[in-house]
């Protein structure tokens, strides 16, 4: 299939195979801080919307939020307020020294800080945080520093919104130390050569929710023409339509079959000229009776069930020269 020239720069697709058995299955952190578009503060409502699907993963666990000033972080607030409900063992939070102490002022922390919270036995509602001791780190709170890595080693699960510009390094560290995690990232991270192999090998996947999320941003954040506003209190906001949760915690949505209803015809599903795969522009149009390679948009990953599909490769463009990752193998043996 000859692709229109204007699509060449924008085509992002995964090659997948439909699984059929006996029947068809229905650098640096400072540079990140200098980048004024890299500080997004997650709303409690978005945290609650996602975290409610993972309760079983937190019982008896130590949670680390290592990109969060505990004095203002909604991640810390969520876990502290739900400490008993989740059955947590401990919460640890750390922040980089330049993180704002108060998101609504221009004052910066002189020191990186961290806290260790084990619940409040005298407060059944877990709302009194006044007695929590805020400790100062010796270094700058960089998540790659020796003292922060020592805190990482204590954690069972890491939950935070890391700097998007350091997403590769951040995930690499989590994988190196074999940590469970639930973190926020830009959809473009799916295309990174360091990230896609993890998705392909089922070591990382998208969370339950995602897509459109709104964040508070610092007052020095530059105004944008779209998806930007200032509320009645003078607080700046930014919304993004391509923000997702990335995790290696299992959740029910990951095992939901994508219901397919269309039948394959060569006329409706032409093949690429340079690759033996049919093209599907919309996930809902994946044919239910085609078991070979299918090119689908990147949005497919939000519906990806590894028991129903196999991801074969990721690439950009249509000439095969910019291949990011591939691992071919025979997968379907039965006929339609």
C-alpha atoms as a PDB file:
ATOM      1  CA  UNK A   1       0.000   0.000   0.000  1.00  0.00           C
ATOM      2  CA  UNK A   2       1.420   3.340  -1.023  1.00  0.00           C
ATOM      3  CA  UNK A   3       1.220   5.660   1.986  1.00  0.00           C
ATOM      4  CA  UNK A   4       0.344   9.348   1.391  1.00  0.00           C
ATOM      5  CA  UNK A   5       3.451  11.538   1.590  1.00  0.00           C
ATOM      6  CA  UNK A   6       2.038  13.748   4.324  1.00  0.00           C
ATOM      7  CA  UNK A   7       1.722  10.745   6.629  1.00  0.00           C
ATOM      8  CA  UNK A   8       5.360   9.779   6.475  1.00  0.00           C
ATOM      9  CA  UNK A   9       6.391  12.106   9.296  1.00  0.00           C
ATOM     10  CA  UNK A  10       3.492  11.206  11.563  1.00  0.00           C
ATOM     11  CA  UNK A  11       2.952   7.495  11.147  1.00  0.00           C
ATOM     12  CA  UNK A  12       3.606   5.633  14.392  1.00  0.00           C
ATOM     13  CA  UNK A  13       2.451   2.050  14.416  1.00  0.00           C
ATOM     14  CA  UNK A  14       2.978  -1.261  16.062  1.00  0.00           C
ATOM     15  CA  UNK A  15       2.966  -4.511  14.167  1.00  0.00           C
ATOM     16  CA  UNK A  16       0.836  -6.992  16.061  1.00  0.00           C
ATOM     17  CA  UNK A  17      -0.492 -10.498  15.635  1.00  0.00           C
ATOM     18  CA  UNK A  18      -3.885 -11.635  16.791  1.00  0.00           C
ATOM     19  CA  UNK A  19      -3.520 -14.671  19.058  1.00  0.00           C
ATOM     20  CA  UNK A  20      -5.650 -17.618  17.918  1.00  0.00           C
ATOM     21  CA  UNK A  21      -5.734 -20.973  19.641  1.00  0.00           C
ATOM     22  CA  UNK A  22      -8.552 -23.462  18.915  1.00  0.00           C
ATOM     23  CA  UNK A  23     -10.867 -20.513  18.434  1.00  0.00           C
ATOM     24  CA  UNK A  24     -10.376 -16.777  18.006  1.00  0.00           C
ATOM     25  CA  UNK A  25      -9.849 -14.971  21.314  1.00  0.00           C
ATOM     26  CA  UNK A  26     -12.767 -12.211  21.492  1.00  0.00           C
ATOM     27  CA  UNK A  27      21.131  15.138  31.171  1.00  0.00           C
ATOM     28  CA  UNK A  28      20.788  15.579  34.324  1.00  0.00           C
ATOM     29  CA  UNK A  29      18.159  16.469  36.863  1.00  0.00           C
ATOM     30  CA  UNK A  30      19.292  20.075  36.922  1.00  0.00           C
ATOM     31  CA  UNK A  31      18.727  20.347  33.187  1.00  0.00           C
ATOM     32  CA  UNK A  32      15.261  18.954  33.718  1.00  0.00           C
ATOM     33  CA  UNK A  33      14.544  21.645  36.297  1.00  0.00           C
ATOM     34  CA  UNK A  34      15.879  24.345  33.984  1.00  0.00           C
ATOM     35  CA  UNK A  35      13.341  23.191  31.427  1.00  0.00           C
ATOM     36  CA  UNK A  36      10.344  25.181  32.630  1.00  0.00           C
ATOM     37  CA  UNK A  37       7.943  22.876  30.809  1.00  0.00           C
ATOM     38  CA  UNK A  38       9.068  19.852  32.816  1.00  0.00           C
ATOM     39  CA  UNK A  39       7.359  20.587  36.138  1.00  0.00           C
ATOM     40  CA  UNK A  40       3.814  19.269  36.285  1.00  0.00           C
ATOM     41  CA  UNK A  41       2.074  18.710  39.613  1.00  0.00           C
ATOM     42  CA  UNK A  42      -0.394  15.834  39.586  1.00  0.00           C
ATOM     43  CA  UNK A  43      -3.915  16.365  40.866  1.00  0.00           C
ATOM     44  CA  UNK A  44      -5.242  14.255  43.733  1.00  0.00           C
ATOM     45  CA  UNK A  45      -8.308  13.349  41.654  1.00  0.00           C
ATOM     46  CA  UNK A  46      -6.151  11.802  38.909  1.00  0.00           C
ATOM     47  CA  UNK A  47      -4.122   9.884  41.487  1.00  0.00           C
ATOM     48  CA  UNK A  48      -7.290   8.549  43.119  1.00  0.00           C
ATOM     49  CA  UNK A  49      -8.783   7.591  39.756  1.00  0.00           C
ATOM     50  CA  UNK A  50      -5.775   5.401  38.893  1.00  0.00           C
ATOM     51  CA  UNK A  51      -4.697   4.074  42.284  1.00  0.00           C
ATOM     52  CA  UNK A  52      -8.103   2.606  43.141  1.00  0.00           C
ATOM     53  CA  UNK A  53      -7.358  -0.244  40.728  1.00  0.00           C
ATOM     54  CA  UNK A  54      -4.264  -1.456  42.603  1.00  0.00           C
ATOM     55  CA  UNK A  55      -5.287  -1.843  46.243  1.00  0.00           C
ATOM     56  CA  UNK A  56      -4.135  -5.460  46.462  1.00  0.00           C
ATOM     57  CA  UNK A  57      -0.602  -4.482  45.443  1.00  0.00           C
ATOM     58  CA  UNK A  58      -0.002  -2.218  48.460  1.00  0.00           C
ATOM     59  CA  UNK A  59      -0.882  -4.287  51.515  1.00  0.00           C
ATOM     60  CA  UNK A  60       2.132  -4.541  53.832  1.00  0.00           C
ATOM     61  CA  UNK A  61       4.315  -2.627  51.374  1.00  0.00           C
ATOM     62  CA  UNK A  62       6.694   0.317  51.596  1.00  0.00           C
ATOM     63  CA  UNK A  63       5.866   2.968  49.003  1.00  0.00           C
ATOM     64  CA  UNK A  64       8.476   5.402  47.694  1.00  0.00           C
ATOM     65  CA  UNK A  65       7.584   8.713  46.065  1.00  0.00           C
ATOM     66  CA  UNK A  66      11.041   9.959  45.102  1.00  0.00           C
ATOM     67  CA  UNK A  67      10.134  13.021  43.048  1.00  0.00           C
ATOM     68  CA  UNK A  68       7.861  14.547  45.680  1.00  0.00           C
ATOM     69  CA  UNK A  69       8.238  17.216  48.332  1.00  0.00           C
ATOM     70  CA  UNK A  70       6.165  15.668  51.153  1.00  0.00           C
ATOM     71  CA  UNK A  71       5.007  19.123  52.263  1.00  0.00           C
ATOM     72  CA  UNK A  72       3.028  19.674  49.066  1.00  0.00           C
ATOM     73  CA  UNK A  73       2.908  16.371  47.168  1.00  0.00           C
ATOM     74  CA  UNK A  74      -0.507  14.941  46.324  1.00  0.00           C
ATOM     75  CA  UNK A  75       1.113  11.517  46.013  1.00  0.00           C
ATOM     76  CA  UNK A  76       2.184  11.662  49.649  1.00  0.00           C
ATOM     77  CA  UNK A  77      -1.207  13.071  50.605  1.00  0.00           C
ATOM     78  CA  UNK A  78      -3.017  10.202  48.882  1.00  0.00           C
ATOM     79  CA  UNK A  79      -0.954   7.469  50.553  1.00  0.00           C
ATOM     80  CA  UNK A  80      -1.022   9.141  53.973  1.00  0.00           C
ATOM     81  CA  UNK A  81      -4.793   9.612  53.884  1.00  0.00           C
ATOM     82  CA  UNK A  82      -5.257   5.998  52.774  1.00  0.00           C
ATOM     83  CA  UNK A  83      -2.492   4.501  54.909  1.00  0.00           C
ATOM     84  CA  UNK A  84      -4.758   2.154  56.882  1.00  0.00           C
ATOM     85  CA  UNK A  85      -7.174   1.530  54.020  1.00  0.00           C
ATOM     86  CA  UNK A  86      -4.308   0.233  51.856  1.00  0.00           C
ATOM     87  CA  UNK A  87      -2.612  -1.552  54.745  1.00  0.00           C
ATOM     88  CA  UNK A  88       0.699   0.163  54.060  1.00  0.00           C
ATOM     89  CA  UNK A  89       3.858  -0.520  56.000  1.00  0.00           C
ATOM     90  CA  UNK A  90       5.626   2.772  55.301  1.00  0.00           C
ATOM     91  CA  UNK A  91       5.749   5.793  52.988  1.00  0.00           C
ATOM     92  CA  UNK A  92       9.058   7.382  51.990  1.00  0.00           C
ATOM     93  CA  UNK A  93       9.187  10.595  49.966  1.00  0.00           C
ATOM     94  CA  UNK A  94      12.153  12.565  48.675  1.00  0.00           C
ATOM     95  CA  UNK A  95      12.498  15.702  46.615  1.00  0.00           C
ATOM     96  CA  UNK A  96      15.182  17.496  44.641  1.00  0.00           C
ATOM     97  CA  UNK A  97      16.564  20.571  46.378  1.00  0.00           C
ATOM     98  CA  UNK A  98      15.203  23.037  43.816  1.00  0.00           C
ATOM     99  CA  UNK A  99      11.620  21.847  44.118  1.00  0.00           C
ATOM    100  CA  UNK A 100       9.299  24.563  45.335  1.00  0.00           C
ATOM    101  CA  UNK A 101       8.456  24.359  49.021  1.00  0.00           C
ATOM    102  CA  UNK A 102       5.187  26.050  48.203  1.00  0.00           C
ATOM    103  CA  UNK A 103       3.806  25.551  44.720  1.00  0.00           C
ATOM    104  CA  UNK A 104       2.135  28.940  44.941  1.00  0.00           C
ATOM    105  CA  UNK A 105       5.317  30.920  45.661  1.00  0.00           C
ATOM    106  CA  UNK A 106       8.780  31.348  44.204  1.00  0.00           C
ATOM    107  CA  UNK A 107      10.631  30.124  47.315  1.00  0.00           C
ATOM    108  CA  UNK A 108      12.984  27.197  46.732  1.00  0.00           C
ATOM    109  CA  UNK A 109      14.186  24.597  49.193  1.00  0.00           C
ATOM    110  CA  UNK A 110      17.723  25.219  50.356  1.00  0.00           C
ATOM    111  CA  UNK A 111      18.088  21.503  51.022  1.00  0.00           C
ATOM    112  CA  UNK A 112      16.676  18.345  49.526  1.00  0.00           C
ATOM    113  CA  UNK A 113      14.301  16.769  52.019  1.00  0.00           C
ATOM    114  CA  UNK A 114      12.779  13.381  52.764  1.00  0.00           C
ATOM    115  CA  UNK A 115      10.305  11.900  55.215  1.00  0.00           C
ATOM    116  CA  UNK A 116       9.479   8.455  56.476  1.00  0.00           C
ATOM    117  CA  UNK A 117       5.854   7.959  57.524  1.00  0.00           C
ATOM    118  CA  UNK A 118       4.488   4.877  59.265  1.00  0.00           C
ATOM    119  CA  UNK A 119       0.990   6.098  59.998  1.00  0.00           C
ATOM    120  CA  UNK A 120      -0.420   7.920  63.005  1.00  0.00           C
ATOM    121  CA  UNK A 121      -1.784   5.512  65.649  1.00  0.00           C
ATOM    122  CA  UNK A 122      -3.461   8.412  67.462  1.00  0.00           C
ATOM    123  CA  UNK A 123      -5.373   9.614  64.431  1.00  0.00           C
ATOM    124  CA  UNK A 124      -7.796   7.175  62.827  1.00  0.00           C
ATOM    125  CA  UNK A 125      -8.416   9.551  59.941  1.00  0.00           C
ATOM    126  CA  UNK A 126      -4.698   9.943  59.136  1.00  0.00           C
ATOM    127  CA  UNK A 127      -5.188  13.667  58.503  1.00  0.00           C
ATOM    128  CA  UNK A 128      -2.843  15.112  61.134  1.00  0.00           C
ATOM    129  CA  UNK A 129       0.590  15.360  59.549  1.00  0.00           C
ATOM    130  CA  UNK A 130       1.905  18.119  61.825  1.00  0.00           C
ATOM    131  CA  UNK A 131       4.104  15.739  63.783  1.00  0.00           C
ATOM    132  CA  UNK A 132       5.870  14.292  60.741  1.00  0.00           C
ATOM    133  CA  UNK A 133       9.569  14.985  60.900  1.00  0.00           C
ATOM    134  CA  UNK A 134      11.019  16.438  57.711  1.00  0.00           C
ATOM    135  CA  UNK A 135      14.633  15.344  57.270  1.00  0.00           C
ATOM    136  CA  UNK A 136      17.332  16.970  55.172  1.00  0.00           C
ATOM    137  CA  UNK A 137      19.326  14.906  52.717  1.00  0.00           C
ATOM    138  CA  UNK A 138      23.077  15.354  52.546  1.00  0.00           C
ATOM    139  CA  UNK A 139      23.009  15.740  48.787  1.00  0.00           C
ATOM    140  CA  UNK A 140      20.682  17.387  46.293  1.00  0.00           C
ATOM    141  CA  UNK A 141      18.013  14.674  46.231  1.00  0.00           C
ATOM    142  CA  UNK A 142      18.810  13.469  42.705  1.00  0.00           C
ATOM    143  CA  UNK A 143      17.086  10.096  42.389  1.00  0.00           C
ATOM    144  CA  UNK A 144      20.398   8.687  41.085  1.00  0.00           C
ATOM    145  CA  UNK A 145      22.397   9.781  44.118  1.00  0.00           C
ATOM    146  CA  UNK A 146      23.777   7.176  46.509  1.00  0.00           C
ATOM    147  CA  UNK A 147      21.567   8.154  49.453  1.00  0.00           C
ATOM    148  CA  UNK A 148      18.425   8.218  47.320  1.00  0.00           C
ATOM    149  CA  UNK A 149      19.280   4.808  45.889  1.00  0.00           C
ATOM    150  CA  UNK A 150      19.582   3.485  49.447  1.00  0.00           C
ATOM    151  CA  UNK A 151      16.024   4.696  50.066  1.00  0.00           C
ATOM    152  CA  UNK A 152      14.938   3.126  46.785  1.00  0.00           C
ATOM    153  CA  UNK A 153      16.285  -0.224  47.961  1.00  0.00           C
ATOM    154  CA  UNK A 154      13.895  -0.114  50.934  1.00  0.00           C
ATOM    155  CA  UNK A 155      10.840   0.357  48.728  1.00  0.00           C
ATOM    156  CA  UNK A 156       8.498  -2.292  47.397  1.00  0.00           C
ATOM    157  CA  UNK A 157       6.545   0.005  45.071  1.00  0.00           C
ATOM    158  CA  UNK A 158       7.497   3.377  43.533  1.00  0.00           C
ATOM    159  CA  UNK A 159       4.683   5.788  42.659  1.00  0.00           C
ATOM    160  CA  UNK A 160       5.334   9.303  41.358  1.00  0.00           C
ATOM    161  CA  UNK A 161       5.381  11.712  38.416  1.00  0.00           C
ATOM    162  CA  UNK A 162       9.061  11.845  37.366  1.00  0.00           C
ATOM    163  CA  UNK A 163      10.504  14.565  35.093  1.00  0.00           C
ATOM    164  CA  UNK A 164       9.456  13.672  31.568  1.00  0.00           C
ATOM    165  CA  UNK A 165      12.893  14.630  30.215  1.00  0.00           C
ATOM    166  CA  UNK A 166      14.536  11.994  32.431  1.00  0.00           C
ATOM    167  CA  UNK A 167      11.966   9.272  31.859  1.00  0.00           C
ATOM    168  CA  UNK A 168      14.441   6.880  30.200  1.00  0.00           C
ATOM    169  CA  UNK A 169      16.943   7.058  33.053  1.00  0.00           C
ATOM    170  CA  UNK A 170      14.232   6.899  35.671  1.00  0.00           C
ATOM    171  CA  UNK A 171      12.682   3.709  34.288  1.00  0.00           C
ATOM    172  CA  UNK A 172      16.111   2.159  33.726  1.00  0.00           C
ATOM    173  CA  UNK A 173      16.873   2.570  37.433  1.00  0.00           C
ATOM    174  CA  UNK A 174      13.574   0.979  38.458  1.00  0.00           C
ATOM    175  CA  UNK A 175      14.282  -1.994  36.212  1.00  0.00           C
ATOM    176  CA  UNK A 176      17.871  -2.284  37.466  1.00  0.00           C
ATOM    177  CA  UNK A 177      16.690  -2.527  41.081  1.00  0.00           C
ATOM    178  CA  UNK A 178      13.758  -4.770  40.184  1.00  0.00           C
ATOM    179  CA  UNK A 179      11.083  -2.456  41.611  1.00  0.00           C
ATOM    180  CA  UNK A 180       7.359  -2.458  41.120  1.00  0.00           C
ATOM    181  CA  UNK A 181       6.179   0.947  39.936  1.00  0.00           C
ATOM    182  CA  UNK A 182       3.309   3.128  38.815  1.00  0.00           C
ATOM    183  CA  UNK A 183       4.508   6.364  37.235  1.00  0.00           C
ATOM    184  CA  UNK A 184       3.260   9.077  34.875  1.00  0.00           C
ATOM    185  CA  UNK A 185       4.830   9.711  31.490  1.00  0.00           C
ATOM    186  CA  UNK A 186       4.200  11.188  28.083  1.00  0.00           C
ATOM    187  CA  UNK A 187       2.752   8.928  25.392  1.00  0.00           C
ATOM    188  CA  UNK A 188       5.871   9.554  23.317  1.00  0.00           C
ATOM    189  CA  UNK A 189       7.840   7.504  25.843  1.00  0.00           C
ATOM    190  CA  UNK A 190       6.313   4.417  24.235  1.00  0.00           C
ATOM    191  CA  UNK A 191       8.486   5.074  21.185  1.00  0.00           C
ATOM    192  CA  UNK A 192      11.781   5.305  23.096  1.00  0.00           C
ATOM    193  CA  UNK A 193      14.208   2.540  22.212  1.00  0.00           C
ATOM    194  CA  UNK A 194      14.824   2.037  25.941  1.00  0.00           C
ATOM    195  CA  UNK A 195      11.106   1.709  26.734  1.00  0.00           C
ATOM    196  CA  UNK A 196       9.507  -0.166  23.861  1.00  0.00           C
ATOM    197  CA  UNK A 197      11.455  -3.434  24.403  1.00  0.00           C
ATOM    198  CA  UNK A 198      10.083  -3.478  27.968  1.00  0.00           C
ATOM    199  CA  UNK A 199       6.557  -3.164  26.582  1.00  0.00           C
ATOM    200  CA  UNK A 200       7.252  -5.798  23.940  1.00  0.00           C
ATOM    201  CA  UNK A 201       8.539  -8.233  26.572  1.00  0.00           C
ATOM    202  CA  UNK A 202       5.655  -7.533  28.989  1.00  0.00           C
ATOM    203  CA  UNK A 203       7.896  -5.948  31.603  1.00  0.00           C
ATOM    204  CA  UNK A 204       6.028  -2.631  31.415  1.00  0.00           C
ATOM    205  CA  UNK A 205       2.554  -1.650  30.227  1.00  0.00           C
ATOM    206  CA  UNK A 206       0.063   1.207  30.343  1.00  0.00           C
ATOM    207  CA  UNK A 207      -2.039   1.787  33.431  1.00  0.00           C
ATOM    208  CA  UNK A 208      -5.801   1.724  33.817  1.00  0.00           C
ATOM    209  CA  UNK A 209      -6.506   5.376  33.032  1.00  0.00           C
ATOM    210  CA  UNK A 210      -4.744   7.959  30.935  1.00  0.00           C
ATOM    211  CA  UNK A 211      -5.037  10.326  28.038  1.00  0.00           C
ATOM    212  CA  UNK A 212      -6.298  13.718  29.162  1.00  0.00           C
ATOM    213  CA  UNK A 213      -4.834  14.935  32.476  1.00  0.00           C
ATOM    214  CA  UNK A 214      -4.504  18.400  33.973  1.00  0.00           C
ATOM    215  CA  UNK A 215      -1.631  19.674  36.110  1.00  0.00           C
ATOM    216  CA  UNK A 216      -0.786  22.758  38.113  1.00  0.00           C
ATOM    217  CA  UNK A 217       2.443  24.382  36.939  1.00  0.00           C
ATOM    218  CA  UNK A 218       4.808  26.952  38.528  1.00  0.00           C
ATOM    219  CA  UNK A 219       4.040  30.633  38.142  1.00  0.00           C
ATOM    220  CA  UNK A 220       7.038  31.095  35.844  1.00  0.00           C
ATOM    221  CA  UNK A 221       5.656  28.558  33.386  1.00  0.00           C
ATOM    222  CA  UNK A 222       5.235  30.244  29.977  1.00  0.00           C
ATOM    223  CA  UNK A 223       1.721  30.835  28.740  1.00  0.00           C
ATOM    224  CA  UNK A 224       0.489  28.503  26.015  1.00  0.00           C
ATOM    225  CA  UNK A 225      -2.056  29.163  23.259  1.00  0.00           C
ATOM    226  CA  UNK A 226      -3.958  25.952  23.964  1.00  0.00           C
ATOM    227  CA  UNK A 227      -4.613  23.687  26.966  1.00  0.00           C
ATOM    228  CA  UNK A 228      -3.476  26.415  29.336  1.00  0.00           C
ATOM    229  CA  UNK A 229      -5.404  28.604  31.780  1.00  0.00           C
ATOM    230  CA  UNK A 230      -5.125  30.619  34.967  1.00  0.00           C
ATOM    231  CA  UNK A 231      -7.771  30.087  37.657  1.00  0.00           C
ATOM    232  CA  UNK A 232      -9.416  32.661  39.929  1.00  0.00           C
ATOM    233  CA  UNK A 233      -6.577  32.294  42.447  1.00  0.00           C
ATOM    234  CA  UNK A 234      -3.899  33.066  39.892  1.00  0.00           C
ATOM    235  CA  UNK A 235      -2.754  29.435  39.699  1.00  0.00           C
ATOM    236  CA  UNK A 236      -1.526  28.352  36.274  1.00  0.00           C
ATOM    237  CA  UNK A 237      -2.826  25.102  34.789  1.00  0.00           C
ATOM    238  CA  UNK A 238      -1.806  22.941  31.862  1.00  0.00           C
ATOM    239  CA  UNK A 239      -3.688  19.996  30.393  1.00  0.00           C
ATOM    240  CA  UNK A 240      -2.233  17.298  28.188  1.00  0.00           C
ATOM    241  CA  UNK A 241      -4.080  14.789  26.058  1.00  0.00           C
ATOM    242  CA  UNK A 242      -1.218  12.322  25.739  1.00  0.00           C
ATOM    243  CA  UNK A 243      -0.347  11.546  29.358  1.00  0.00           C
ATOM    244  CA  UNK A 244      -0.399   7.978  30.604  1.00  0.00           C
ATOM    245  CA  UNK A 245       0.425   5.857  33.605  1.00  0.00           C
ATOM    246  CA  UNK A 246       3.231   3.343  33.047  1.00  0.00           C
ATOM    247  CA  UNK A 247       3.427   0.351  35.353  1.00  0.00           C
ATOM    248  CA  UNK A 248       4.439  -3.249  35.958  1.00  0.00           C
ATOM    249  CA  UNK A 249       1.604  -3.770  38.448  1.00  0.00           C
ATOM    250  CA  UNK A 250      -1.072  -6.028  37.023  1.00  0.00           C
ATOM    251  CA  UNK A 251      -4.611  -4.685  36.664  1.00  0.00           C
ATOM    252  CA  UNK A 252      -7.881  -6.049  35.326  1.00  0.00           C
ATOM    253  CA  UNK A 253      -8.041  -3.885  32.191  1.00  0.00           C
ATOM    254  CA  UNK A 254      -4.890  -5.560  30.885  1.00  0.00           C
ATOM    255  CA  UNK A 255      -6.755  -8.861  30.654  1.00  0.00           C
ATOM    256  CA  UNK A 256      -9.873  -7.598  28.931  1.00  0.00           C
ATOM    257  CA  UNK A 257     -10.271  -8.912  25.394  1.00  0.00           C
ATOM    258  CA  UNK A 258     -10.702  -6.287  22.726  1.00  0.00           C
ATOM    259  CA  UNK A 259     -14.053  -7.117  21.134  1.00  0.00           C
ATOM    260  CA  UNK A 260     -13.583  -7.429  17.377  1.00  0.00           C
ATOM    261  CA  UNK A 261     -16.436  -7.508  14.912  1.00  0.00           C
ATOM    262  CA  UNK A 262     -15.066  -6.746  11.430  1.00  0.00           C
ATOM    263  CA  UNK A 263     -14.183  -9.420   8.873  1.00  0.00           C
ATOM    264  CA  UNK A 264     -11.038  -9.330   6.772  1.00  0.00           C
ATOM    265  CA  UNK A 265     -11.173  -8.587   3.055  1.00  0.00           C
ATOM    266  CA  UNK A 266      -8.124  -7.800   0.889  1.00  0.00           C
ATOM    267  CA  UNK A 267      -9.922  -4.803  -0.546  1.00  0.00           C
ATOM    268  CA  UNK A 268     -10.570  -3.136   2.823  1.00  0.00           C
ATOM    269  CA  UNK A 269      -7.229  -4.079   4.360  1.00  0.00           C
ATOM    270  CA  UNK A 270      -4.403  -3.523   1.834  1.00  0.00           C
ATOM    271  CA  UNK A 271      -0.849  -4.543   2.721  1.00  0.00           C
ATOM    272  CA  UNK A 272       2.143  -2.249   2.969  1.00  0.00           C
ATOM    273  CA  UNK A 273       4.396  -2.232  -0.083  1.00  0.00           C
ATOM    274  CA  UNK A 274       7.516  -2.933   1.932  1.00  0.00           C
ATOM    275  CA  UNK A 275       6.265  -5.115   4.784  1.00  0.00           C
ATOM    276  CA  UNK A 276       4.024  -8.159   4.932  1.00  0.00           C
ATOM    277  CA  UNK A 277       1.303  -6.661   7.108  1.00  0.00           C
ATOM    278  CA  UNK A 278      -2.102  -5.137   6.607  1.00  0.00           C
ATOM    279  CA  UNK A 279      -2.838  -1.587   7.667  1.00  0.00           C
ATOM    280  CA  UNK A 280      -5.503  -0.695  10.249  1.00  0.00           C
ATOM    281  CA  UNK A 281      -6.002   3.004  10.983  1.00  0.00           C
ATOM    282  CA  UNK A 282      -8.390   2.556  13.921  1.00  0.00           C
ATOM    283  CA  UNK A 283      -8.092  -0.009  16.700  1.00  0.00           C
ATOM    284  CA  UNK A 284     -11.804  -0.768  16.433  1.00  0.00           C
ATOM    285  CA  UNK A 285     -11.270  -1.875  12.813  1.00  0.00           C
ATOM    286  CA  UNK A 286      -8.871  -4.753  13.594  1.00  0.00           C
ATOM    287  CA  UNK A 287     -10.344  -7.775  11.745  1.00  0.00           C
ATOM    288  CA  UNK A 288     -11.432 -10.661  13.945  1.00  0.00           C
ATOM    289  CA  UNK A 289     -10.429 -13.373  11.473  1.00  0.00           C
ATOM    290  CA  UNK A 290      -6.928 -12.251  10.436  1.00  0.00           C
ATOM    291  CA  UNK A 291      -4.028 -13.907  12.269  1.00  0.00           C
ATOM    292  CA  UNK A 292      -0.997 -12.484  10.521  1.00  0.00           C
ATOM    293  CA  UNK A 293       0.775  -9.160  11.035  1.00  0.00           C
ATOM    294  CA  UNK A 294      -1.332  -6.024  11.436  1.00  0.00           C
ATOM    295  CA  UNK A 295      -0.127  -2.417  11.547  1.00  0.00           C
ATOM    296  CA  UNK A 296      -2.029  -0.470  14.182  1.00  0.00           C
ATOM    297  CA  UNK A 297      -1.764   3.061  15.657  1.00  0.00           C
ATOM    298  CA  UNK A 298       0.114   3.666  18.891  1.00  0.00           C
ATOM    299  CA  UNK A 299      -3.222   4.148  20.681  1.00  0.00           C
ATOM    300  CA  UNK A 300      -3.605   0.367  20.442  1.00  0.00           C
ATOM    301  CA  UNK A 301      -1.439  -0.062  23.554  1.00  0.00           C
ATOM    302  CA  UNK A 302      -4.202   1.343  25.734  1.00  0.00           C
ATOM    303  CA  UNK A 303      -6.261  -1.726  24.756  1.00  0.00           C
ATOM    304  CA  UNK A 304      -3.408  -4.245  24.571  1.00  0.00           C
ATOM    305  CA  UNK A 305      -4.086  -7.660  26.099  1.00  0.00           C
ATOM    306  CA  UNK A 306      -0.972  -9.905  25.861  1.00  0.00           C
ATOM    307  CA  UNK A 307      -3.211 -12.973  25.954  1.00  0.00           C
ATOM    308  CA  UNK A 308      -4.977 -11.816  22.787  1.00  0.00           C
ATOM    309  CA  UNK A 309      -2.208 -10.139  20.781  1.00  0.00           C
ATOM    310  CA  UNK A 310       1.528 -10.330  20.290  1.00  0.00           C
ATOM    311  CA  UNK A 311       3.528  -7.158  19.626  1.00  0.00           C
ATOM    312  CA  UNK A 312       6.042  -7.924  16.908  1.00  0.00           C
ATOM    313  CA  UNK A 313       7.797  -4.679  16.178  1.00  0.00           C
ATOM    314  CA  UNK A 314       7.676  -0.907  16.408  1.00  0.00           C
ATOM    315  CA  UNK A 315       8.787   1.443  13.705  1.00  0.00           C
ATOM    316  CA  UNK A 316       8.300   4.940  12.335  1.00  0.00           C
ATOM    317  CA  UNK A 317       7.855   5.874   8.716  1.00  0.00           C
ATOM    318  CA  UNK A 318       7.321   3.392   5.893  1.00  0.00           C
ATOM    319  CA  UNK A 319      10.799   2.607   4.548  1.00  0.00           C
ATOM    320  CA  UNK A 320      12.087   0.317   7.307  1.00  0.00           C
ATOM    321  CA  UNK A 321      15.250   2.374   7.817  1.00  0.00           C
ATOM    322  CA  UNK A 322      14.244   3.888  11.124  1.00  0.00           C
ATOM    323  CA  UNK A 323      13.369   0.627  12.850  1.00  0.00           C
ATOM    324  CA  UNK A 324      13.550   1.008  16.621  1.00  0.00           C
ATOM    325  CA  UNK A 325      13.024  -2.548  17.800  1.00  0.00           C
ATOM    326  CA  UNK A 326      12.056  -5.887  16.348  1.00  0.00           C
ATOM    327  CA  UNK A 327      11.927  -9.508  17.359  1.00  0.00           C
ATOM    328  CA  UNK A 328      10.144 -11.699  14.876  1.00  0.00           C
ATOM    329  CA  UNK A 329       8.934 -15.219  15.601  1.00  0.00           C
ATOM    330  CA  UNK A 330       6.270 -17.563  14.353  1.00  0.00           C
ATOM    331  CA  UNK A 331       3.200 -17.190  16.507  1.00  0.00           C
ATOM    332  CA  UNK A 332       0.052 -18.282  14.680  1.00  0.00           C
ATOM    333  CA  UNK A 333      -0.143 -21.830  13.427  1.00  0.00           C
ATOM    334  CA  UNK A 334      -3.855 -22.416  13.050  1.00  0.00           C
ATOM    335  CA  UNK A 335      -5.872 -21.377  10.057  1.00  0.00           C
ATOM    336  CA  UNK A 336      -8.818 -19.024  10.213  1.00  0.00           C
END
